[in-house]
C-alpha atoms as a PDB file:
ATOM      1  CA  HIS A   1      96.750-175.011  87.598  1.00  0.00           C
ATOM      2  CA  GLY A   2      93.556-175.139  89.599  1.00  0.00           C
ATOM      3  CA  ASP A   3      95.332-174.441  92.891  1.00  0.00           C
ATOM      4  CA  HIS A   4      97.412-171.552  91.547  1.00  0.00           C
ATOM      5  CA  CYS A   5     100.498-173.742  91.336  1.00  0.00           C
ATOM      6  CA  SER A   6     101.493-172.909  87.800  1.00  0.00           C
ATOM      7  CA  TRP A   7     104.796-171.116  87.255  1.00  0.00           C
ATOM      8  CA  PRO A   8     105.807-168.811  84.410  1.00  0.00           C
ATOM      9  CA  PRO A   9     107.572-170.420  81.446  1.00  0.00           C
ATOM     10  CA  GLY A  10     111.357-170.414  81.708  1.00  0.00           C
ATOM     11  CA  SER A  11     111.409-170.127  85.487  1.00  0.00           C
ATOM     12  CA  THR A  12     114.763-171.069  86.967  1.00  0.00           C
ATOM     13  CA  LEU A  13     113.002-171.698  90.288  1.00  0.00           C
ATOM     14  CA  GLY A  14     110.924-174.489  88.811  1.00  0.00           C
ATOM     15  CA  LEU A  15     114.040-176.010  87.263  1.00  0.00           C
ATOM     16  CA  GLN A  16     115.797-175.987  90.622  1.00  0.00           C
ATOM     17  CA  TRP A  17     112.889-177.826  92.219  1.00  0.00           C
ATOM     18  CA  VAL A  18     112.956-180.470  89.474  1.00  0.00           C
ATOM     19  CA  GLN A  19     116.695-180.865  89.976  1.00  0.00           C
ATOM     20  CA  LEU A  20     116.180-181.255  93.704  1.00  0.00           C
ATOM     21  CA  VAL A  21     113.509-183.962  93.553  1.00  0.00           C
ATOM     22  CA  ALA A  22     115.374-185.755  90.742  1.00  0.00           C
ATOM     23  CA  GLY A  23     118.515-185.942  92.831  1.00  0.00           C
ATOM     24  CA  THR A  24     120.595-183.810  90.483  1.00  0.00           C
ATOM     25  CA  ALA A  25     121.105-181.103  93.090  1.00  0.00           C
ATOM     26  CA  SER A  26     122.491-181.953  96.503  1.00  0.00           C
ATOM     27  CA  SER A  27     120.679-179.105  98.235  1.00  0.00           C
ATOM     28  CA  CYS A  28     118.069-176.471  97.525  1.00  0.00           C
ATOM     29  CA  HIS A  29     119.808-173.392  96.158  1.00  0.00           C
ATOM     30  CA  GLY A  30     117.544-170.376  95.968  1.00  0.00           C
ATOM     31  CA  ASP A  31     113.799-171.001  96.272  1.00  0.00           C
ATOM     32  CA  PRO A  32     112.112-174.176  95.037  1.00  0.00           C
ATOM     33  CA  LEU A  33     108.776-174.011  93.276  1.00  0.00           C
ATOM     34  CA  PRO A  34     106.546-172.027  95.684  1.00  0.00           C
ATOM     35  CA  CYS A  35     103.713-174.551  95.481  1.00  0.00           C
ATOM     36  CA  HIS A  36     105.991-177.109  97.146  1.00  0.00           C
ATOM     37  CA  TRP A  37     107.206-174.833  99.945  1.00  0.00           C
ATOM     38  CA  LYS A  38     104.670-176.390 102.314  1.00  0.00           C
ATOM     39  CA  GLU A  39     106.535-179.677 101.871  1.00  0.00           C
ATOM     40  CA  LEU A  40     109.713-178.036 103.129  1.00  0.00           C
ATOM     41  CA  LYS A  41     108.079-175.781 105.735  1.00  0.00           C
ATOM     42  CA  ALA A  42     104.648-176.684 107.104  1.00  0.00           C
ATOM     43  CA  THR A  43     103.793-173.060 107.853  1.00  0.00           C
ATOM     44  CA  CYS A  44     103.782-172.365 104.093  1.00  0.00           C
ATOM     45  CA  GLY A  45     100.652-174.515 103.861  1.00  0.00           C
ATOM     46  CA  GLY A  46      98.611-172.493 106.356  1.00  0.00           C
ATOM     47  CA  SER A  47      95.198-170.917 105.817  1.00  0.00           C
ATOM     48  CA  LYS A  48      96.353-167.272 105.872  1.00  0.00           C
ATOM     49  CA  GLN A  49      99.012-167.260 103.182  1.00  0.00           C
ATOM     50  CA  SER A  50     100.127-164.392 100.942  1.00  0.00           C
ATOM     51  CA  PRO A  51      99.969-163.002  98.319  1.00  0.00           C
ATOM     52  CA  VAL A  52      96.296-162.973  97.275  1.00  0.00           C
ATOM     53  CA  ASN A  53      94.182-161.674  94.428  1.00  0.00           C
ATOM     54  CA  ILE A  54      92.389-158.448  95.343  1.00  0.00           C
ATOM     55  CA  ASP A  55      88.964-158.739  93.745  1.00  0.00           C
ATOM     56  CA  ARG A  56      87.424-155.282  94.015  1.00  0.00           C
ATOM     57  CA  ARG A  57      83.944-156.695  93.402  1.00  0.00           C
ATOM     58  CA  ARG A  58      84.140-158.644  96.667  1.00  0.00           C
ATOM     59  CA  LEU A  59      85.829-156.171  99.000  1.00  0.00           C
ATOM     60  CA  GLN A  60      84.384-155.101 102.317  1.00  0.00           C
ATOM     61  CA  ARG A  61      84.508-151.356 102.950  1.00  0.00           C
ATOM     62  CA  ASP A  62      86.024-150.391 106.313  1.00  0.00           C
ATOM     63  CA  ARG A  63      85.398-146.729 107.116  1.00  0.00           C
ATOM     64  CA  GLY A  64      87.929-147.024 109.928  1.00  0.00           C
ATOM     65  CA  LEU A  65      90.773-147.418 107.447  1.00  0.00           C
ATOM     66  CA  GLY A  66      91.823-143.806 107.126  1.00  0.00           C
ATOM     67  CA  ASP A  67      95.178-142.284 106.275  1.00  0.00           C
ATOM     68  CA  ILE A  68      98.321-144.051 107.420  1.00  0.00           C
ATOM     69  CA  LEU A  69     100.784-141.894 109.351  1.00  0.00           C
ATOM     70  CA  PHE A  70     104.246-142.101 107.765  1.00  0.00           C
ATOM     71  CA  GLU A  71     106.879-141.175 110.329  1.00  0.00           C
ATOM     72  CA  GLY A  72     110.405-140.336 109.133  1.00  0.00           C
ATOM     73  CA  TYR A  73     109.548-141.056 105.499  1.00  0.00           C
ATOM     74  CA  ASP A  74     110.168-137.393 104.705  1.00  0.00           C
ATOM     75  CA  GLN A  75     113.730-137.312 106.056  1.00  0.00           C
ATOM     76  CA  ALA A  76     116.976-138.805 104.764  1.00  0.00           C
ATOM     77  CA  PRO A  77     118.474-140.657 107.753  1.00  0.00           C
ATOM     78  CA  PRO A  78     122.154-140.276 108.644  1.00  0.00           C
ATOM     79  CA  GLY A  79     124.620-143.052 107.980  1.00  0.00           C
ATOM     80  CA  LYS A  80     124.395-145.538 105.130  1.00  0.00           C
ATOM     81  CA  TRP A  81     121.898-148.032 103.786  1.00  0.00           C
ATOM     82  CA  ARG A  82     123.129-151.480 102.740  1.00  0.00           C
ATOM     83  CA  LEU A  83     121.841-153.145  99.599  1.00  0.00           C
ATOM     84  CA  THR A  84     122.111-156.963  99.523  1.00  0.00           C
ATOM     85  CA  ASN A  85     121.369-159.646  96.937  1.00  0.00           C
ATOM     86  CA  ASP A  86     119.843-162.249  99.235  1.00  0.00           C
ATOM     87  CA  GLY A  87     119.267-164.848  96.538  1.00  0.00           C
ATOM     88  CA  HIS A  88     115.480-164.698  96.937  1.00  0.00           C
ATOM     89  CA  THR A  89     114.452-161.303  95.591  1.00  0.00           C
ATOM     90  CA  ASP A  90     116.437-158.877  93.457  1.00  0.00           C
ATOM     91  CA  MET A  91     117.767-157.134  96.518  1.00  0.00           C
ATOM     92  CA  VAL A  92     117.067-156.201 100.116  1.00  0.00           C
ATOM     93  CA  LEU A  93     117.618-152.644 101.304  1.00  0.00           C
ATOM     94  CA  GLU A  94     118.075-152.622 105.071  1.00  0.00           C
ATOM     95  CA  LEU A  95     116.118-149.770 106.648  1.00  0.00           C
ATOM     96  CA  VAL A  96     116.405-150.621 110.340  1.00  0.00           C
ATOM     97  CA  SER A  97     115.638-147.345 112.088  1.00  0.00           C
ATOM     98  CA  GLU A  98     113.761-146.206 115.172  1.00  0.00           C
ATOM     99  CA  HIS A  99     112.724-143.062 113.316  1.00  0.00           C
ATOM    100  CA  ILE A 100     111.124-144.581 110.185  1.00  0.00           C
ATOM    101  CA  ALA A 101     107.758-145.982 111.158  1.00  0.00           C
ATOM    102  CA  ILE A 102     104.066-146.221 110.322  1.00  0.00           C
ATOM    103  CA  SER A 103     100.942-146.060 112.470  1.00  0.00           C
ATOM    104  CA  SER A 104      97.208-145.207 112.309  1.00  0.00           C
ATOM    105  CA  GLY A 105      95.219-146.381 109.287  1.00  0.00           C
ATOM    106  CA  GLY A 106      93.743-149.209 111.336  1.00  0.00           C
ATOM    107  CA  LEU A 107      97.140-150.582 112.367  1.00  0.00           C
ATOM    108  CA  PRO A 108      97.212-151.930 115.958  1.00  0.00           C
ATOM    109  CA  GLY A 109     100.186-149.858 117.057  1.00  0.00           C
ATOM    110  CA  ARG A 110     103.393-148.329 115.724  1.00  0.00           C
ATOM    111  CA  TYR A 111     105.573-150.308 113.316  1.00  0.00           C
ATOM    112  CA  ARG A 112     109.205-149.431 112.561  1.00  0.00           C
ATOM    113  CA  ALA A 113     110.831-150.089 109.192  1.00  0.00           C
ATOM    114  CA  LEU A 114     113.172-153.052 108.731  1.00  0.00           C
ATOM    115  CA  GLN A 115     113.798-153.401 104.980  1.00  0.00           C
ATOM    116  CA  LEU A 116     112.381-153.080 101.498  1.00  0.00           C
ATOM    117  CA  HIS A 117     112.638-155.398  98.509  1.00  0.00           C
ATOM    118  CA  PHE A 118     111.149-155.986  95.066  1.00  0.00           C
ATOM    119  CA  HIS A 119     109.472-158.776  93.136  1.00  0.00           C
ATOM    120  CA  TRP A 120     109.433-158.770  89.345  1.00  0.00           C
ATOM    121  CA  GLY A 121     108.915-161.025  86.324  1.00  0.00           C
ATOM    122  CA  SER A 122     110.466-162.178  83.104  1.00  0.00           C
ATOM    123  CA  PRO A 123     110.123-160.644  79.631  1.00  0.00           C
ATOM    124  CA  ALA A 124     107.440-163.272  78.963  1.00  0.00           C
ATOM    125  CA  GLY A 125     105.176-162.228  81.827  1.00  0.00           C
ATOM    126  CA  ASN A 126     104.459-159.854  84.675  1.00  0.00           C
ATOM    127  CA  GLY A 127     105.922-159.913  88.119  1.00  0.00           C
ATOM    128  CA  SER A 128     103.819-158.550  90.982  1.00  0.00           C
ATOM    129  CA  GLU A 129     102.936-160.958  93.779  1.00  0.00           C
ATOM    130  CA  HIS A 130      99.501-159.568  94.583  1.00  0.00           C
ATOM    131  CA  THR A 131      97.088-159.275  91.693  1.00  0.00           C
ATOM    132  CA  LEU A 132      94.352-156.688  91.227  1.00  0.00           C
ATOM    133  CA  ASP A 133      91.098-157.932  89.715  1.00  0.00           C
ATOM    134  CA  GLY A 134      93.102-160.871  88.388  1.00  0.00           C
ATOM    135  CA  TRP A 135      95.720-158.688  86.669  1.00  0.00           C
ATOM    136  CA  GLN A 136      99.406-159.105  87.477  1.00  0.00           C
ATOM    137  CA  LEU A 137     101.465-155.932  87.220  1.00  0.00           C
ATOM    138  CA  PRO A 138     105.156-155.680  86.178  1.00  0.00           C
ATOM    139  CA  MET A 139     106.696-155.246  89.635  1.00  0.00           C
ATOM    140  CA  GLU A 140     105.839-154.953  93.315  1.00  0.00           C
ATOM    141  CA  MET A 141     107.742-153.316  96.181  1.00  0.00           C
ATOM    142  CA  HIS A 142     107.372-154.406  99.800  1.00  0.00           C
ATOM    143  CA  ILE A 143     108.395-152.261 102.770  1.00  0.00           C
ATOM    144  CA  VAL A 144     108.551-154.471 105.852  1.00  0.00           C
ATOM    145  CA  HIS A 145     107.836-153.049 109.316  1.00  0.00           C
ATOM    146  CA  MET A 146     107.968-154.690 112.752  1.00  0.00           C
ATOM    147  CA  ASN A 147     105.627-153.946 115.644  1.00  0.00           C
ATOM    148  CA  ALA A 148     107.601-151.604 117.906  1.00  0.00           C
ATOM    149  CA  LYS A 149     106.356-153.413 121.009  1.00  0.00           C
ATOM    150  CA  TYR A 150     108.587-156.368 120.135  1.00  0.00           C
ATOM    151  CA  ARG A 151     112.357-156.332 120.483  1.00  0.00           C
ATOM    152  CA  THR A 152     113.381-158.814 117.812  1.00  0.00           C
ATOM    153  CA  LEU A 153     112.068-160.210 114.538  1.00  0.00           C
ATOM    154  CA  ALA A 154     111.892-163.663 116.098  1.00  0.00           C
ATOM    155  CA  GLU A 155     109.675-162.301 118.873  1.00  0.00           C
ATOM    156  CA  ALA A 156     107.470-160.448 116.384  1.00  0.00           C
ATOM    157  CA  LYS A 157     106.959-163.663 114.398  1.00  0.00           C
ATOM    158  CA  GLY A 158     105.299-165.155 117.452  1.00  0.00           C
ATOM    159  CA  HIS A 159     102.337-162.768 117.223  1.00  0.00           C
ATOM    160  CA  PRO A 160      99.669-162.300 114.510  1.00  0.00           C
ATOM    161  CA  ASN A 161     100.210-158.516 114.626  1.00  0.00           C
ATOM    162  CA  GLY A 162     104.000-158.809 114.571  1.00  0.00           C
ATOM    163  CA  LEU A 163     104.696-157.389 111.101  1.00  0.00           C
ATOM    164  CA  ALA A 164     103.089-154.820 108.812  1.00  0.00           C
ATOM    165  CA  VAL A 165     104.078-154.792 105.139  1.00  0.00           C
ATOM    166  CA  LEU A 166     103.265-152.031 102.667  1.00  0.00           C
ATOM    167  CA  GLY A 167     102.901-153.221  99.075  1.00  0.00           C
ATOM    168  CA  PHE A 168     103.208-150.975  96.012  1.00  0.00           C
ATOM    169  CA  PHE A 169     102.526-151.933  92.398  1.00  0.00           C
ATOM    170  CA  PHE A 170     104.674-150.622  89.519  1.00  0.00           C
ATOM    171  CA  GLN A 171     103.707-149.602  86.019  1.00  0.00           C
ATOM    172  CA  VAL A 172     105.940-148.802  83.077  1.00  0.00           C
ATOM    173  CA  SER A 173     106.481-145.160  82.189  1.00  0.00           C
ATOM    174  CA  GLU A 174     108.173-143.515  79.225  1.00  0.00           C
ATOM    175  CA  THR A 175     110.070-141.268  81.656  1.00  0.00           C
ATOM    176  CA  PRO A 176     112.669-142.572  84.158  1.00  0.00           C
ATOM    177  CA  ASN A 177     111.850-142.128  87.830  1.00  0.00           C
ATOM    178  CA  THR A 178     114.903-140.263  89.119  1.00  0.00           C
ATOM    179  CA  ASN A 179     113.984-141.115  92.719  1.00  0.00           C
ATOM    180  CA  TYR A 180     115.220-144.651  92.017  1.00  0.00           C
ATOM    181  CA  ASN A 181     118.628-143.666  90.610  1.00  0.00           C
ATOM    182  CA  THR A 182     120.548-144.441  93.816  1.00  0.00           C
ATOM    183  CA  ILE A 183     119.028-147.917  94.080  1.00  0.00           C
ATOM    184  CA  VAL A 184     119.568-148.676  90.389  1.00  0.00           C
ATOM    185  CA  ALA A 185     123.216-147.654  90.707  1.00  0.00           C
ATOM    186  CA  GLY A 186     123.629-149.973  93.700  1.00  0.00           C
ATOM    187  CA  LEU A 187     122.079-152.904  91.841  1.00  0.00           C
ATOM    188  CA  ARG A 188     125.007-152.938  89.416  1.00  0.00           C
ATOM    189  CA  ASN A 189     127.278-153.972  92.286  1.00  0.00           C
ATOM    190  CA  ILE A 190     125.264-156.889  93.696  1.00  0.00           C
ATOM    191  CA  SER A 191     124.803-159.143  90.685  1.00  0.00           C
ATOM    192  CA  HIS A 192     125.580-162.358  92.597  1.00  0.00           C
ATOM    193  CA  ALA A 193     123.800-163.896  95.589  1.00  0.00           C
ATOM    194  CA  GLY A 194     125.397-162.746  98.821  1.00  0.00           C
ATOM    195  CA  ASP A 195     126.836-159.523  97.385  1.00  0.00           C
ATOM    196  CA  SER A 196     126.297-156.346  99.429  1.00  0.00           C
ATOM    197  CA  VAL A 197     127.068-152.690  98.899  1.00  0.00           C
ATOM    198  CA  ASP A 198     126.571-149.501 100.887  1.00  0.00           C
ATOM    199  CA  LEU A 199     124.568-146.991  98.878  1.00  0.00           C
ATOM    200  CA  ALA A 200     126.354-143.780  97.976  1.00  0.00           C
ATOM    201  CA  SER A 201     123.731-141.818  99.889  1.00  0.00           C
ATOM    202  CA  THR A 202     120.502-142.260 101.775  1.00  0.00           C
ATOM    203  CA  PHE A 203     117.339-140.574 100.598  1.00  0.00           C
ATOM    204  CA  ARG A 204     113.842-139.793 101.755  1.00  0.00           C
ATOM    205  CA  LEU A 205     111.958-143.061 101.689  1.00  0.00           C
ATOM    206  CA  GLY A 206     108.802-141.175 100.774  1.00  0.00           C
ATOM    207  CA  THR A 207     110.264-140.344  97.366  1.00  0.00           C
ATOM    208  CA  LEU A 208     109.906-144.010  96.369  1.00  0.00           C
ATOM    209  CA  LEU A 209     106.154-143.942  96.956  1.00  0.00           C
ATOM    210  CA  PRO A 210     103.275-142.611  94.877  1.00  0.00           C
ATOM    211  CA  HIS A 211     102.290-138.979  95.426  1.00  0.00           C
ATOM    212  CA  ALA A 212     101.262-138.434  99.062  1.00  0.00           C
ATOM    213  CA  GLY A 213      97.794-137.387  97.974  1.00  0.00           C
ATOM    214  CA  ARG A 214      97.260-140.832  96.441  1.00  0.00           C
ATOM    215  CA  LEU A 215      98.099-142.901  99.530  1.00  0.00           C
ATOM    216  CA  SER A 216      94.598-142.848 101.008  1.00  0.00           C
ATOM    217  CA  GLY A 217      93.405-145.640  98.719  1.00  0.00           C
ATOM    218  CA  TYR A 218      94.575-149.058  99.879  1.00  0.00           C
ATOM    219  CA  TYR A 219      93.494-152.622 100.647  1.00  0.00           C
ATOM    220  CA  ARG A 220      94.027-154.467 103.919  1.00  0.00           C
ATOM    221  CA  TYR A 221      94.047-158.110 104.925  1.00  0.00           C
ATOM    222  CA  GLN A 222      95.750-160.518 107.323  1.00  0.00           C
ATOM    223  CA  GLY A 223      98.355-162.741 105.706  1.00  0.00           C
ATOM    224  CA  SER A 224     101.884-164.065 105.730  1.00  0.00           C
ATOM    225  CA  LEU A 225     105.408-163.554 104.527  1.00  0.00           C
ATOM    226  CA  THR A 226     105.630-164.563 100.858  1.00  0.00           C
ATOM    227  CA  THR A 227     108.858-166.555 101.236  1.00  0.00           C
ATOM    228  CA  PRO A 228     109.649-169.378 103.690  1.00  0.00           C
ATOM    229  CA  ASP A 229     109.009-169.619 106.557  1.00  0.00           C
ATOM    230  CA  CYS A 230     105.739-168.002 105.369  1.00  0.00           C
ATOM    231  CA  SER A 231     104.895-166.894 108.935  1.00  0.00           C
ATOM    232  CA  GLU A 232     101.243-165.813 109.177  1.00  0.00           C
ATOM    233  CA  VAL A 233     102.017-162.670 111.154  1.00  0.00           C
ATOM    234  CA  VAL A 234     101.639-159.932 108.513  1.00  0.00           C
ATOM    235  CA  ILE A 235      99.097-157.134 108.339  1.00  0.00           C
ATOM    236  CA  TRP A 236      99.157-156.347 104.621  1.00  0.00           C
ATOM    237  CA  THR A 237      98.442-152.920 103.137  1.00  0.00           C
ATOM    238  CA  ILE A 238      98.376-152.887  99.327  1.00  0.00           C
ATOM    239  CA  PHE A 239      98.142-149.436  97.758  1.00  0.00           C
ATOM    240  CA  GLU A 240      95.948-148.910  94.746  1.00  0.00           C
ATOM    241  CA  GLU A 241      98.035-146.156  93.130  1.00  0.00           C
ATOM    242  CA  PRO A 242     101.031-147.610  91.259  1.00  0.00           C
ATOM    243  CA  VAL A 243     104.566-146.249  91.203  1.00  0.00           C
ATOM    244  CA  GLU A 244     105.808-145.266  87.756  1.00  0.00           C
ATOM    245  CA  ILE A 245     109.269-146.419  86.751  1.00  0.00           C
ATOM    246  CA  GLY A 246     111.197-146.001  83.502  1.00  0.00           C
ATOM    247  CA  ARG A 247     111.710-148.865  81.082  1.00  0.00           C
ATOM    248  CA  GLU A 248     115.487-148.845  81.390  1.00  0.00           C
ATOM    249  CA  GLN A 249     115.759-148.494  85.171  1.00  0.00           C
ATOM    250  CA  VAL A 250     116.483-152.108  86.093  1.00  0.00           C
ATOM    251  CA  PRO A 251     119.603-152.804  84.020  1.00  0.00           C
ATOM    252  CA  ALA A 252     121.522-155.064  86.407  1.00  0.00           C
ATOM    253  CA  THR A 253     121.792-158.825  85.915  1.00  0.00           C
ATOM    254  CA  LEU A 254     121.177-160.516  89.256  1.00  0.00           C
ATOM    255  CA  HIS A 255     121.622-164.184  90.101  1.00  0.00           C
ATOM    256  CA  PHE A 256     120.389-166.828  92.493  1.00  0.00           C
ATOM    257  CA  PRO A 257     123.006-168.963  94.292  1.00  0.00           C
ATOM    258  CA  ALA A 258     124.851-171.365  92.010  1.00  0.00           C
ATOM    259  CA  VAL A 259     123.430-174.812  91.248  1.00  0.00           C
ATOM    260  CA  GLY A 260     126.529-176.860  90.552  1.00  0.00           C
ATOM    261  CA  SER A 261     128.321-175.042  87.756  1.00  0.00           C
ATOM    262  CA  THR A 262     125.148-173.149  86.770  1.00  0.00           C
ATOM    263  CA  LEU A 263     124.512-169.610  87.909  1.00  0.00           C
ATOM    264  CA  PRO A 264     120.738-169.129  87.490  1.00  0.00           C
ATOM    265  CA  ARG A 265     119.604-165.653  86.563  1.00  0.00           C
ATOM    266  CA  MET A 266     117.182-164.143  89.059  1.00  0.00           C
ATOM    267  CA  THR A 267     113.747-163.594  87.591  1.00  0.00           C
ATOM    268  CA  ASN A 268     110.134-164.526  88.287  1.00  0.00           C
ATOM    269  CA  ASN A 269     110.861-164.090  91.986  1.00  0.00           C
ATOM    270  CA  PHE A 270     107.220-163.923  92.972  1.00  0.00           C
ATOM    271  CA  ARG A 271     104.859-166.341  94.663  1.00  0.00           C
ATOM    272  CA  PRO A 272     101.495-166.956  92.943  1.00  0.00           C
ATOM    273  CA  PRO A 273      98.268-165.800  94.673  1.00  0.00           C
ATOM    274  CA  GLN A 274      97.144-168.048  97.517  1.00  0.00           C
ATOM    275  CA  PRO A 275      93.571-169.050  98.499  1.00  0.00           C
ATOM    276  CA  LEU A 276      91.750-166.677 100.848  1.00  0.00           C
ATOM    277  CA  HIS A 277      90.198-169.515 102.874  1.00  0.00           C
ATOM    278  CA  GLY A 278      87.365-167.251 104.008  1.00  0.00           C
ATOM    279  CA  ARG A 279      89.492-164.206 104.775  1.00  0.00           C
ATOM    280  CA  LYS A 280      88.117-160.760 104.010  1.00  0.00           C
ATOM    281  CA  VAL A 281      90.013-158.127 102.066  1.00  0.00           C
ATOM    282  CA  PHE A 282      89.038-154.651 103.255  1.00  0.00           C
ATOM    283  CA  ALA A 283      89.010-151.393 101.320  1.00  0.00           C
ATOM    284  CA  SER A 284      90.000-148.087 102.889  1.00  0.00           C
ATOM    285  CA  ARG A 285      87.618-145.138 102.793  1.00  0.00           C
ATOM    286  CA  ALA A 286      89.239-143.766  99.614  1.00  0.00           C
ATOM    287  CA  ALA A 287      89.927-147.052  97.775  1.00  0.00           C
ATOM    288  CA  THR A 288      88.142-148.260  94.667  1.00  0.00           C
ATOM    289  CA  ALA A 289      85.857-151.095  95.699  1.00  0.00           C
ATOM    290  CA  SER A 290      84.120-152.042  92.485  1.00  0.00           C
ATOM    291  CA  GLY A 291      85.101-154.100  89.452  1.00  0.00           C
ATOM    292  CA  GLY A 292      86.917-152.838  86.407  1.00  0.00           C
ATOM    293  CA  SER A 293      90.422-152.497  85.086  1.00  0.00           C
ATOM    294  CA  PRO A 294      93.099-151.579  87.654  1.00  0.00           C
ATOM    295  CA  HIS A 295      93.110-147.899  88.546  1.00  0.00           C
ATOM    296  CA  ARG A 296      95.453-145.949  86.273  1.00  0.00           C
ATOM    297  CA  VAL A 297      97.073-149.181  85.051  1.00  0.00           C
ATOM    298  CA  PRO A 298      95.797-149.566  81.471  1.00  0.00           C
ATOM    299  CA  HIS A 299      95.926-153.102  80.117  1.00  0.00           C
ATOM    300  CA  GLN A 300      98.192-152.056  77.269  1.00  0.00           C
ATOM    301  CA  LEU A 301     100.941-151.111  79.743  1.00  0.00           C
ATOM    302  CA  LEU A 302     101.140-154.698  80.901  1.00  0.00           C
ATOM    303  CA  SER A 303     102.160-156.185  77.573  1.00  0.00           C
ATOM    304  CA  PRO A 304     105.207-158.488  77.394  1.00  0.00           C
ATOM    305  CA  LEU A 305     106.959-156.091  75.025  1.00  0.00           C
ATOM    306  CA  LEU A 306     106.782-153.261  77.523  1.00  0.00           C
ATOM    307  CA  LEU A 307     107.976-155.509  80.316  1.00  0.00           C
ATOM    308  CA  LEU A 308     110.879-156.612  78.115  1.00  0.00           C
ATOM    309  CA  ALA A 309     111.766-152.957  77.703  1.00  0.00           C
ATOM    310  CA  LEU A 310     111.535-152.444  81.447  1.00  0.00           C
ATOM    311  CA  LEU A 311     113.896-155.246  82.331  1.00  0.00           C
ATOM    312  CA  GLY A 312     116.285-154.610  79.460  1.00  0.00           C
ATOM    313  CA  PRO A 313     118.345-157.039  77.402  1.00  0.00           C
ATOM    314  CA  SER A 314     120.867-157.660  80.155  1.00  0.00           C
ATOM    315  CA  SER A 315     118.257-158.443  82.799  1.00  0.00           C
ATOM    316  CA  PRO A 316     117.732-161.789  84.555  1.00  0.00           C
ATOM    317  CA  ALA A 317     116.046-164.295  82.280  1.00  0.00           C
ATOM    318  CA  PRO A 318     110.282-163.377  91.159  1.00  0.00           C
END
């Protein structure tokens, strides 16, 4: 517990790790307990791991962190987007495009979008990877971008500025967020690990984000990917303003790869906060940099009952 290695009750990931070390599983299906990833991949035990807790009482203000320039986020690209259940998160939406990119906001260059994915919890707990003032929120979305100066992901992973990931918290709303309808519809068709489906239509990526006027407040630090190989090549930007999503908008039952005859339901697909090891977390010019409850995320919205309503009765049991 002291090294953030606890795991939510009922986690299928923890069970898989126990099966692995006990010899009851011939191979590691899905992700083993995150605290043991460093035993499988040394890079997961580095000093710049993600996610982290964002303690707003200990942030360092960086006046150079102004607005991020979102390029192509306001246009629906041609062609199709593919939604895949990769067996690690609930799904991966491939966004590979030369025209969807981010820059400015203190980023060392232009970064083009590769994919987005989500992390979420079980009805007994919350599911964001990053925490804000020690609070874990119901869900978190990551939009992964690669430095445009590199040609491949493998090349980008060889440089500390190779990737830039935008992180967005979610809070429960009484009203469905219609901007997520296309994704929710696609989720119904990828319930098993390895399943893929082309979305019925593309959409403006910006519609998935908080209101544009609220994107000036964010937190920045140097970290890693949150799944193996945990490469420490990520410039993280975590936005303070949460996205609102309706309680019934994640109805699909998704699964990790089978363990023998068992088909584990996908839930609690998040890694616990990792030690900072002396790293600084910076606040943008417009971000809240003092203690207190998370901005516009009242504590009562984080109750297990509301999260149960969010995930629905047919949901998986990060």
